Protein backbone atom coordinates (compact mmCIF):
# COMPACT_ATOMS: atom_id res chain seq x y z
CA UNK A 1 8.28 -9.05 -3.45
CA UNK A 2 9.65 -5.88 -5.02
CA UNK A 3 8.91 -2.27 -4.12
CA UNK A 4 8.76 -0.76 -7.59
CA UNK A 5 7.23 2.71 -7.17
CA UNK A 6 7.07 4.81 -4.02
CA UNK A 7 5.40 8.18 -3.65
CA UNK A 8 6.72 11.26 -1.91
CA UNK A 9 10.36 10.77 -2.84
CA UNK A 10 10.67 7.77 -0.51
CA UNK A 11 13.38 5.23 -1.31
CA UNK A 12 13.89 1.61 -0.34
CA UNK A 13 16.59 1.25 2.32
CA UNK A 14 19.41 -0.69 0.58
CA UNK A 15 20.53 -2.25 3.89
CA UNK A 16 17.13 -3.62 4.94
CA UNK A 17 15.34 -3.78 1.59
CA UNK A 18 12.32 -2.12 3.21
CA UNK A 19 10.41 0.93 2.13
CA UNK A 20 9.64 3.62 4.71
CA UNK A 21 5.96 3.96 5.59
CA UNK A 22 3.83 6.63 3.99
CA UNK A 23 3.20 9.70 6.08
CA UNK A 24 0.22 10.16 8.36
CA UNK A 25 -1.87 13.34 8.31
CA UNK A 26 -4.53 12.30 10.83
CA UNK A 27 -5.41 15.00 13.34
CA UNK A 28 -6.50 13.03 16.42
CA UNK A 29 -8.06 16.06 18.11
CA UNK A 30 -10.73 16.80 15.51
CA UNK A 31 -10.53 13.46 13.65
CA UNK A 32 -9.67 14.81 10.23
CA UNK A 33 -6.99 13.93 7.74
CA UNK A 34 -5.53 15.71 4.72
CA UNK A 35 -5.26 13.87 1.45
CA UNK A 36 -2.14 15.86 0.59
CA UNK A 37 0.49 13.13 0.67
CA UNK A 38 1.11 10.14 -1.54
CA UNK A 39 0.42 10.31 -5.26
CA UNK A 40 -2.85 10.35 -7.21
CA UNK A 41 -1.19 8.08 -9.77
CA UNK A 42 2.14 6.34 -10.29
CA UNK A 43 3.65 4.98 -13.48
CA UNK A 44 6.70 2.84 -13.82
CA UNK A 45 8.23 0.44 -16.30
CA UNK A 46 9.70 -2.58 -14.58
CA UNK A 47 11.44 -5.84 -15.46
CA UNK A 48 11.84 -8.69 -13.01
CA UNK A 49 15.55 -8.80 -12.13
CA UNK A 50 15.15 -12.43 -10.95
CA UNK A 51 13.16 -13.62 -13.97
CA UNK A 52 13.85 -17.23 -14.96
CA UNK A 53 11.93 -18.32 -18.09
CA UNK A 54 11.89 -21.92 -16.81
CA UNK A 55 10.16 -20.98 -13.53
CA UNK A 56 6.47 -20.30 -12.94
CA UNK A 57 5.78 -16.73 -11.85
CA UNK A 58 2.87 -14.54 -10.79
CA UNK A 59 2.87 -10.76 -10.81
CA UNK A 60 0.39 -8.34 -9.27
CA UNK A 61 0.33 -4.79 -7.97
CA UNK A 62 -0.37 -3.92 -4.36
CA UNK A 63 -1.26 -0.33 -3.56
CA UNK A 64 -1.18 1.14 -0.06
CA UNK A 65 -3.40 4.11 0.75
CA UNK A 66 -2.60 6.78 3.31
CA UNK A 67 -3.77 6.06 6.87
CA UNK A 68 -7.32 7.19 7.73
CA UNK A 69 -9.27 6.98 11.00
CA UNK A 70 -11.25 3.78 11.65
CA UNK A 71 -15.02 4.12 11.75
CA UNK A 72 -14.92 3.05 15.39
CA UNK A 73 -12.68 6.08 16.03
CA UNK A 74 -15.22 8.36 14.31
CA UNK A 75 -18.02 6.81 16.40
CA UNK A 76 -16.08 7.26 19.65
CA UNK A 77 -15.33 10.88 18.69
CA UNK A 78 -19.01 11.63 17.98
CA UNK A 79 -20.04 10.01 21.28
CA UNK A 80 -17.39 11.94 23.22
CA UNK A 81 -15.54 8.77 24.22
CA UNK A 82 -12.01 7.53 23.85
CA UNK A 83 -11.48 5.04 21.01
CA UNK A 84 -11.30 1.40 22.04
CA UNK A 85 -7.79 0.50 23.15
CA UNK A 86 -8.03 -2.99 21.61
CA UNK A 87 -8.30 -1.56 18.10
CA UNK A 88 -5.87 0.55 16.19
CA UNK A 89 -6.98 4.18 15.92
CA UNK A 90 -6.38 4.23 12.17
CA UNK A 91 -6.35 1.86 9.24
CA UNK A 92 -4.35 1.72 6.02
CA UNK A 93 -6.40 0.26 3.17
CA UNK A 94 -4.82 -1.88 0.46
CA UNK A 95 -5.80 -2.63 -3.10
CA UNK A 96 -4.59 -5.53 -5.25
CA UNK A 97 -4.75 -6.05 -9.00
CA UNK A 98 -5.58 -9.32 -10.68
CA UNK A 99 -2.46 -11.47 -11.04
CA UNK A 100 -0.57 -12.01 -14.26
CA UNK A 101 0.57 -15.63 -14.44
CA UNK A 102 3.66 -16.72 -16.35
CA UNK A 103 4.07 -20.35 -17.42
CA UNK A 104 6.56 -21.17 -20.18
CA UNK A 105 4.58 -24.34 -20.96
CA UNK A 106 1.36 -22.48 -21.72
CA UNK A 107 0.86 -20.80 -25.12
CA UNK A 108 0.16 -17.08 -25.12
CA UNK A 109 -3.46 -16.26 -25.92
CA UNK A 110 -4.67 -12.82 -26.88
């Protein structure tokens, strides 16, 4: 797995190879969040530094959204109750693209 594009000027830590998490703008008092962090779009040109033409490969993009309150947190807020302790207060949605498969044995079809 490669972190290819990060929003907000974040950089992958060269010692750990991990990207820092995106920020969190959730206001737990009034259960709002500001969509002011992250990036509305990212573009990057990338080449696989470990590419081996003799090896099968699959590529896809995973996108992480900013954290937002769970619906159970909204419900608890509207009912004047504390959110359930068993569940996380917020959630971070993910999106995945369709994979691109590489197989040197298969002819390219357009």
